Amino acid sequence: MVKIVKPLTDTQIKNAKPKEKDYTLSDGDGLYLFIKKTGSKIWGIYIEHTKTKAYSPQTNGICERFHKTMKTECYDIMFRRKIYTELKKIQQDIELWLEFYNRERAHSGKYCYGKTPWQTWVEAKQLENLFYSSDSYCVRTNADE
């Protein structure tokens, strides 16, 4: 089944009026606007929670490697440079490091091959938009047009 992704427009959002029952407007890619029958609007995002395989040495190794990298490249440096008095400041610095880690820091390994995780993800999304498949066949879509 093909997943249709269309960003919500300003017009759709402004014209979303309360109805007899609560309803949602979705872009098809996780972002949604929940409209209550009282008229209030709440933004939300669907996040798929993935679990690792139990007793999987490869998955455990990947997780352990990430935690070691985060400790040596993020925490050790952060706490050496600053004295934090607020949890909010720590969270901001961690978010900055995660942004760097995912968008600027090249990764070697099974999937990235010297690219950043962000580049790898964007390329995978482009391929996903280019092809869709069912159980028995794969079809090229007109994603470029």
N, C-alpha and C. Protein backbone atom coordinates (compact mmCIF):
# COMPACT_ATOMS: atom_id res chain seq x y z
N MET A 1 0.84 -1.18 0.00
CA MET A 1 0.00 0.00 0.00
C MET A 1 0.88 1.24 0.00
N VAL A 2 0.56 2.21 -0.84
CA VAL A 2 1.32 3.44 -0.96
C VAL A 2 0.86 4.42 0.11
N LYS A 3 1.82 5.03 0.80
CA LYS A 3 1.50 6.03 1.81
C LYS A 3 1.57 7.40 1.16
N ILE A 4 0.47 8.14 1.19
CA ILE A 4 0.42 9.46 0.58
C ILE A 4 0.79 10.49 1.64
N VAL A 5 1.79 11.32 1.31
CA VAL A 5 2.25 12.35 2.23
C VAL A 5 1.98 13.71 1.60
N LYS A 6 1.09 14.48 2.21
CA LYS A 6 0.80 15.83 1.75
C LYS A 6 0.83 16.75 2.97
N PRO A 7 1.74 17.73 2.99
CA PRO A 7 1.79 18.64 4.14
C PRO A 7 0.45 19.34 4.35
N LEU A 8 0.12 19.56 5.61
CA LEU A 8 -1.09 20.31 5.92
C LEU A 8 -0.88 21.76 5.50
N THR A 9 -1.87 22.34 4.85
CA THR A 9 -1.75 23.73 4.41
C THR A 9 -2.32 24.67 5.46
N ASP A 10 -1.92 25.94 5.37
CA ASP A 10 -2.46 26.95 6.29
C ASP A 10 -3.97 27.02 6.18
N THR A 11 -4.48 26.90 4.96
CA THR A 11 -5.92 26.96 4.73
C THR A 11 -6.64 25.82 5.43
N GLN A 12 -6.10 24.60 5.32
CA GLN A 12 -6.71 23.45 6.00
C GLN A 12 -6.75 23.67 7.51
N ILE A 13 -5.66 24.19 8.04
CA ILE A 13 -5.56 24.40 9.49
C ILE A 13 -6.55 25.47 9.95
N LYS A 14 -6.60 26.58 9.21
CA LYS A 14 -7.51 27.68 9.58
C LYS A 14 -8.97 27.28 9.43
N ASN A 15 -9.27 26.45 8.42
CA ASN A 15 -10.65 26.06 8.16
C ASN A 15 -11.11 24.85 8.98
N ALA A 16 -10.24 24.31 9.81
CA ALA A 16 -10.61 23.16 10.65
C ALA A 16 -11.55 23.63 11.76
N LYS A 17 -12.81 23.32 11.61
CA LYS A 17 -13.84 23.75 12.57
C LYS A 17 -14.30 22.56 13.40
N PRO A 18 -14.79 22.82 14.61
CA PRO A 18 -15.28 21.73 15.44
C PRO A 18 -16.49 21.03 14.80
N LYS A 19 -16.57 19.74 15.03
CA LYS A 19 -17.69 18.94 14.54
C LYS A 19 -18.34 18.24 15.73
N GLU A 20 -19.30 17.38 15.46
CA GLU A 20 -19.99 16.66 16.54
C GLU A 20 -19.04 15.74 17.30
N LYS A 21 -18.04 15.20 16.60
CA LYS A 21 -17.06 14.31 17.22
C LYS A 21 -15.66 14.88 17.01
N ASP A 22 -14.73 14.51 17.89
CA ASP A 22 -13.33 14.89 17.71
C ASP A 22 -12.80 14.23 16.44
N TYR A 23 -11.88 14.91 15.74
CA TYR A 23 -11.28 14.33 14.53
C TYR A 23 -9.86 14.84 14.35
N THR A 24 -9.14 14.22 13.43
CA THR A 24 -7.76 14.63 13.17
C THR A 24 -7.55 14.94 11.70
N LEU A 25 -6.65 15.87 11.45
CA LEU A 25 -6.13 16.14 10.11
C LEU A 25 -4.68 15.67 10.13
N SER A 26 -4.28 14.90 9.14
CA SER A 26 -2.94 14.33 9.15
C SER A 26 -2.24 14.60 7.83
N ASP A 27 -0.91 14.72 7.89
CA ASP A 27 -0.13 14.88 6.66
C ASP A 27 0.30 13.53 6.08
N GLY A 28 0.02 12.44 6.79
CA GLY A 28 0.37 11.11 6.31
C GLY A 28 1.79 10.69 6.66
N ASP A 29 2.55 11.59 7.27
CA ASP A 29 3.94 11.26 7.61
C ASP A 29 4.21 11.41 9.09
N GLY A 30 3.16 11.43 9.90
CA GLY A 30 3.34 11.47 11.34
C GLY A 30 2.79 12.71 12.02
N LEU A 31 2.79 13.85 11.33
CA LEU A 31 2.29 15.08 11.93
C LEU A 31 0.77 15.11 11.82
N TYR A 32 0.09 15.50 12.90
CA TYR A 32 -1.36 15.59 12.84
C TYR A 32 -1.86 16.73 13.71
N LEU A 33 -3.06 17.18 13.39
CA LEU A 33 -3.75 18.22 14.15
C LEU A 33 -5.05 17.59 14.66
N PHE A 34 -5.19 17.55 15.98
CA PHE A 34 -6.37 16.97 16.62
C PHE A 34 -7.33 18.10 16.93
N ILE A 35 -8.54 18.05 16.37
CA ILE A 35 -9.55 19.08 16.59
C ILE A 35 -10.63 18.50 17.48
N LYS A 36 -10.79 19.11 18.65
CA LYS A 36 -11.79 18.63 19.61
C LYS A 36 -13.15 19.25 19.26
N LYS A 37 -14.20 18.60 19.74
CA LYS A 37 -15.55 19.12 19.47
C LYS A 37 -15.78 20.46 20.17
N THR A 38 -14.93 20.79 21.14
CA THR A 38 -15.03 22.10 21.82
C THR A 38 -14.40 23.20 20.98
N GLY A 39 -13.62 22.83 19.96
CA GLY A 39 -12.98 23.81 19.09
C GLY A 39 -11.49 23.95 19.32
N SER A 40 -10.97 23.36 20.39
CA SER A 40 -9.53 23.47 20.64
C SER A 40 -8.77 22.57 19.66
N LYS A 41 -7.56 23.02 19.31
CA LYS A 41 -6.72 22.29 18.37
C LYS A 41 -5.41 21.92 19.06
N ILE A 42 -4.99 20.68 18.87
CA ILE A 42 -3.78 20.18 19.51
C ILE A 42 -2.90 19.55 18.44
N TRP A 43 -1.64 20.00 18.35
CA TRP A 43 -0.69 19.40 17.42
C TRP A 43 -0.10 18.15 18.04
N GLY A 44 0.17 17.16 17.22
CA GLY A 44 0.79 15.94 17.70
C GLY A 44 1.64 15.31 16.61
N ILE A 45 2.42 14.34 17.01
CA ILE A 45 3.23 13.61 16.04
C ILE A 45 3.22 12.13 16.44
N TYR A 46 3.02 11.28 15.44
CA TYR A 46 3.07 9.84 15.68
C TYR A 46 4.54 9.43 15.69
N ILE A 47 4.96 8.78 16.73
CA ILE A 47 6.33 8.28 16.81
C ILE A 47 6.26 6.77 16.97
N GLU A 48 6.90 6.09 16.07
CA GLU A 48 6.91 4.63 16.13
C GLU A 48 7.99 4.18 17.09
N HIS A 49 7.61 3.46 18.11
CA HIS A 49 8.57 2.96 19.09
C HIS A 49 9.08 1.62 18.59
N THR A 50 10.37 1.56 18.32
CA THR A 50 10.94 0.30 17.87
C THR A 50 11.71 -0.34 19.02
N LYS A 51 11.65 -1.63 19.08
CA LYS A 51 12.36 -2.37 20.12
C LYS A 51 13.47 -3.18 19.48
N THR A 52 14.53 -3.36 20.22
CA THR A 52 15.63 -4.17 19.71
C THR A 52 15.31 -5.64 19.95
N LYS A 53 15.95 -6.49 19.17
CA LYS A 53 15.78 -7.92 19.35
C LYS A 53 16.39 -8.34 20.68
N ALA A 54 15.69 -9.17 21.39
CA ALA A 54 16.21 -9.67 22.66
C ALA A 54 17.42 -10.56 22.42
N TYR A 55 18.41 -10.42 23.22
CA TYR A 55 19.62 -11.25 23.18
C TYR A 55 20.30 -11.20 21.81
N SER A 56 20.31 -10.04 21.19
CA SER A 56 20.95 -9.88 19.89
C SER A 56 22.30 -9.18 20.07
N PRO A 57 23.40 -9.89 19.96
CA PRO A 57 24.71 -9.27 20.18
C PRO A 57 25.01 -8.09 19.25
N GLN A 58 24.59 -8.19 17.98
CA GLN A 58 24.86 -7.11 17.05
C GLN A 58 24.13 -5.83 17.45
N THR A 59 22.85 -5.95 17.76
CA THR A 59 22.06 -4.79 18.18
C THR A 59 22.59 -4.22 19.48
N ASN A 60 22.89 -5.10 20.43
CA ASN A 60 23.45 -4.64 21.70
C ASN A 60 24.76 -3.90 21.48
N GLY A 61 25.58 -4.40 20.56
CA GLY A 61 26.86 -3.76 20.25
C GLY A 61 26.68 -2.38 19.67
N ILE A 62 25.70 -2.22 18.78
CA ILE A 62 25.42 -0.91 18.19
C ILE A 62 25.00 0.07 19.27
N CYS A 63 24.11 -0.36 20.15
CA CYS A 63 23.65 0.52 21.24
C CYS A 63 24.79 0.88 22.18
N GLU A 64 25.61 -0.12 22.53
CA GLU A 64 26.73 0.14 23.43
C GLU A 64 27.73 1.09 22.79
N ARG A 65 27.97 0.94 21.50
CA ARG A 65 28.90 1.82 20.80
C ARG A 65 28.38 3.25 20.79
N PHE A 66 27.08 3.44 20.56
CA PHE A 66 26.51 4.78 20.58
C PHE A 66 26.67 5.41 21.95
N HIS A 67 26.39 4.63 23.01
CA HIS A 67 26.50 5.18 24.37
C HIS A 67 27.95 5.55 24.69
N LYS A 68 28.91 4.76 24.23
CA LYS A 68 30.32 5.09 24.45
C LYS A 68 30.68 6.37 23.69
N THR A 69 30.24 6.48 22.45
CA THR A 69 30.51 7.68 21.65
C THR A 69 29.90 8.90 22.32
N MET A 70 28.67 8.77 22.79
CA MET A 70 28.00 9.90 23.44
C MET A 70 28.75 10.31 24.71
N LYS A 71 29.24 9.33 25.45
CA LYS A 71 29.98 9.64 26.68
C LYS A 71 31.28 10.38 26.36
N THR A 72 32.06 9.85 25.41
CA THR A 72 33.37 10.44 25.15
C THR A 72 33.29 11.75 24.37
N GLU A 73 32.36 11.85 23.40
CA GLU A 73 32.30 13.03 22.55
C GLU A 73 31.34 14.11 23.06
N CYS A 74 30.43 13.74 23.93
CA CYS A 74 29.44 14.71 24.40
C CYS A 74 29.61 14.99 25.89
N TYR A 75 29.28 14.01 26.73
CA TYR A 75 29.27 14.24 28.18
C TYR A 75 30.63 14.64 28.73
N ASP A 76 31.68 13.89 28.38
CA ASP A 76 33.01 14.20 28.93
C ASP A 76 33.43 15.62 28.60
N ILE A 77 33.17 16.06 27.38
CA ILE A 77 33.55 17.41 26.96
C ILE A 77 32.64 18.45 27.60
N MET A 78 31.33 18.19 27.61
CA MET A 78 30.38 19.15 28.21
C MET A 78 30.72 19.45 29.66
N PHE A 79 30.92 18.40 30.44
CA PHE A 79 31.12 18.59 31.87
C PHE A 79 32.54 19.05 32.20
N ARG A 80 33.45 18.98 31.24
CA ARG A 80 34.78 19.52 31.43
C ARG A 80 34.79 21.03 31.18
N ARG A 81 33.92 21.49 30.28
CA ARG A 81 33.91 22.90 29.89
C ARG A 81 33.02 23.78 30.75
N LYS A 82 31.94 23.24 31.28
CA LYS A 82 30.93 24.05 31.98
C LYS A 82 30.53 23.43 33.30
N ILE A 83 30.05 24.30 34.17
CA ILE A 83 29.36 23.84 35.38
C ILE A 83 27.89 24.17 35.15
N TYR A 84 27.08 23.15 35.11
CA TYR A 84 25.65 23.33 34.83
C TYR A 84 24.89 23.52 36.13
N THR A 85 23.99 24.50 36.12
CA THR A 85 23.13 24.73 37.29
C THR A 85 21.68 24.39 36.99
N GLU A 86 21.37 24.16 35.71
CA GLU A 86 20.00 23.85 35.31
C GLU A 86 19.98 22.64 34.39
N LEU A 87 19.01 21.79 34.58
CA LEU A 87 18.83 20.63 33.72
C LEU A 87 18.51 21.05 32.28
N LYS A 88 17.82 22.17 32.14
CA LYS A 88 17.44 22.68 30.81
C LYS A 88 18.67 22.97 29.96
N LYS A 89 19.72 23.51 30.57
CA LYS A 89 20.96 23.84 29.84
C LYS A 89 21.66 22.55 29.38
N ILE A 90 21.64 21.54 30.23
CA ILE A 90 22.23 20.25 29.85
C ILE A 90 21.48 19.67 28.66
N GLN A 91 20.15 19.72 28.72
CA GLN A 91 19.32 19.20 27.63
C GLN A 91 19.60 19.94 26.32
N GLN A 92 19.77 21.27 26.39
CA GLN A 92 20.05 22.06 25.19
C GLN A 92 21.38 21.64 24.57
N ASP A 93 22.41 21.46 25.40
CA ASP A 93 23.72 21.06 24.88
C ASP A 93 23.69 19.64 24.31
N ILE A 94 22.94 18.75 24.93
CA ILE A 94 22.80 17.39 24.39
C ILE A 94 22.09 17.43 23.04
N GLU A 95 21.05 18.24 22.93
CA GLU A 95 20.33 18.37 21.66
C GLU A 95 21.23 18.92 20.57
N LEU A 96 22.09 19.90 20.91
CA LEU A 96 23.04 20.43 19.93
C LEU A 96 24.01 19.34 19.47
N TRP A 97 24.49 18.55 20.43
CA TRP A 97 25.42 17.48 20.07
C TRP A 97 24.72 16.43 19.20
N LEU A 98 23.49 16.05 19.53
CA LEU A 98 22.76 15.07 18.72
C LEU A 98 22.53 15.59 17.31
N GLU A 99 22.27 16.89 17.18
CA GLU A 99 22.12 17.50 15.86
C GLU A 99 23.42 17.36 15.07
N PHE A 100 24.54 17.66 15.73
CA PHE A 100 25.86 17.49 15.10
C PHE A 100 26.09 16.02 14.73
N TYR A 101 25.81 15.13 15.66
CA TYR A 101 26.04 13.69 15.48
C TYR A 101 25.27 13.16 14.27
N ASN A 102 24.04 13.59 14.11
CA ASN A 102 23.19 13.05 13.04
C ASN A 102 23.33 13.77 11.71
N ARG A 103 23.69 15.06 11.73
CA ARG A 103 23.70 15.83 10.48
C ARG A 103 25.08 16.20 9.96
N GLU A 104 26.10 16.21 10.82
CA GLU A 104 27.41 16.68 10.38
C GLU A 104 28.52 15.64 10.51
N ARG A 105 28.42 14.76 11.47
CA ARG A 105 29.48 13.79 11.76
C ARG A 105 29.32 12.58 10.85
N ALA A 106 30.32 12.35 10.00
CA ALA A 106 30.27 11.19 9.10
C ALA A 106 30.43 9.90 9.90
N HIS A 107 29.72 8.87 9.50
CA HIS A 107 29.75 7.58 10.19
C HIS A 107 30.26 6.51 9.23
N SER A 108 31.10 5.66 9.74
CA SER A 108 31.47 4.48 8.96
C SER A 108 30.61 3.36 9.50
N GLY A 109 30.40 2.36 8.72
CA GLY A 109 29.60 1.26 9.24
C GLY A 109 28.72 0.63 8.19
N LYS A 110 27.83 -0.21 8.68
CA LYS A 110 27.02 -1.07 7.82
C LYS A 110 26.10 -0.29 6.89
N TYR A 111 25.55 0.83 7.33
CA TYR A 111 24.55 1.53 6.52
C TYR A 111 25.02 2.88 5.99
N CYS A 112 25.84 3.60 6.74
CA CYS A 112 26.18 4.98 6.36
C CYS A 112 27.31 5.08 5.35
N TYR A 113 28.29 4.20 5.41
CA TYR A 113 29.41 4.20 4.46
C TYR A 113 30.05 5.57 4.31
N GLY A 114 30.37 6.25 5.41
CA GLY A 114 31.05 7.54 5.35
C GLY A 114 30.13 8.74 5.22
N LYS A 115 28.83 8.52 5.19
CA LYS A 115 27.87 9.62 5.14
C LYS A 115 27.34 9.87 6.54
N THR A 116 26.63 10.97 6.69
CA THR A 116 25.97 11.23 7.97
C THR A 116 24.68 10.42 8.03
N PRO A 117 24.18 10.13 9.24
CA PRO A 117 22.89 9.43 9.33
C PRO A 117 21.78 10.20 8.62
N TRP A 118 21.82 11.52 8.67
CA TRP A 118 20.80 12.33 8.01
C TRP A 118 20.83 12.10 6.50
N GLN A 119 22.02 12.11 5.89
CA GLN A 119 22.13 11.86 4.45
C GLN A 119 21.62 10.47 4.10
N THR A 120 21.96 9.50 4.92
CA THR A 120 21.51 8.12 4.69
C THR A 120 19.99 8.04 4.75
N TRP A 121 19.38 8.71 5.74
CA TRP A 121 17.93 8.70 5.90
C TRP A 121 17.24 9.39 4.72
N VAL A 122 17.77 10.55 4.29
CA VAL A 122 17.17 11.29 3.17
C VAL A 122 17.22 10.45 1.90
N GLU A 123 18.36 9.80 1.65
CA GLU A 123 18.47 8.95 0.46
C GLU A 123 17.49 7.78 0.52
N ALA A 124 17.31 7.21 1.70
CA ALA A 124 16.36 6.10 1.85
C ALA A 124 14.94 6.58 1.60
N LYS A 125 14.59 7.79 2.08
CA LYS A 125 13.25 8.34 1.85
C LYS A 125 13.03 8.60 0.36
N GLN A 126 14.07 9.08 -0.33
CA GLN A 126 13.94 9.33 -1.77
C GLN A 126 13.70 8.02 -2.51
N LEU A 127 14.41 6.97 -2.11
CA LEU A 127 14.18 5.66 -2.73
C LEU A 127 12.79 5.13 -2.42
N GLU A 128 12.35 5.36 -1.18
CA GLU A 128 11.01 4.91 -0.78
C GLU A 128 9.95 5.61 -1.61
N ASN A 129 10.16 6.90 -1.90
CA ASN A 129 9.19 7.65 -2.70
C ASN A 129 9.26 7.25 -4.17
N LEU A 130 10.41 6.74 -4.60
CA LEU A 130 10.59 6.36 -5.99
C LEU A 130 9.94 5.01 -6.30
N PHE A 131 9.94 4.12 -5.34
CA PHE A 131 9.39 2.78 -5.53
C PHE A 131 8.40 2.45 -4.43
N TYR A 132 7.41 1.66 -4.75
CA TYR A 132 6.60 1.05 -3.71
C TYR A 132 6.44 -0.41 -4.07
N SER A 133 6.24 -1.23 -3.08
CA SER A 133 6.15 -2.66 -3.38
C SER A 133 5.01 -3.29 -2.61
N SER A 134 4.53 -4.38 -3.15
CA SER A 134 3.56 -5.20 -2.44
C SER A 134 4.25 -6.54 -2.18
N ASP A 135 3.49 -7.54 -1.81
CA ASP A 135 4.09 -8.84 -1.53
C ASP A 135 4.69 -9.48 -2.78
N SER A 136 4.14 -9.16 -3.95
CA SER A 136 4.56 -9.89 -5.14
C SER A 136 5.29 -9.05 -6.19
N TYR A 137 5.28 -7.73 -6.08
CA TYR A 137 5.93 -6.94 -7.12
C TYR A 137 6.40 -5.59 -6.59
N CYS A 138 7.25 -4.96 -7.38
CA CYS A 138 7.77 -3.63 -7.05
C CYS A 138 7.47 -2.72 -8.25
N VAL A 139 6.93 -1.54 -8.00
CA VAL A 139 6.51 -0.64 -9.07
C VAL A 139 7.22 0.69 -8.91
N ARG A 140 7.72 1.23 -10.02
CA ARG A 140 8.33 2.55 -10.00
C ARG A 140 7.19 3.57 -10.06
N THR A 141 7.28 4.58 -9.17
CA THR A 141 6.25 5.61 -9.16
C THR A 141 6.73 6.81 -9.96
N ASN A 142 5.85 7.78 -10.15
CA ASN A 142 6.20 9.01 -10.83
C ASN A 142 6.56 10.09 -9.82
N ALA A 143 7.46 9.79 -8.91
CA ALA A 143 7.82 10.71 -7.83
C ALA A 143 8.55 11.94 -8.37
N ASP A 144 9.25 11.80 -9.51
CA ASP A 144 10.01 12.92 -10.05
C ASP A 144 9.12 13.93 -10.77
N GLU A 145 7.94 13.55 -11.15
CA GLU A 145 7.08 14.43 -11.96
C GLU A 145 6.22 15.31 -11.11
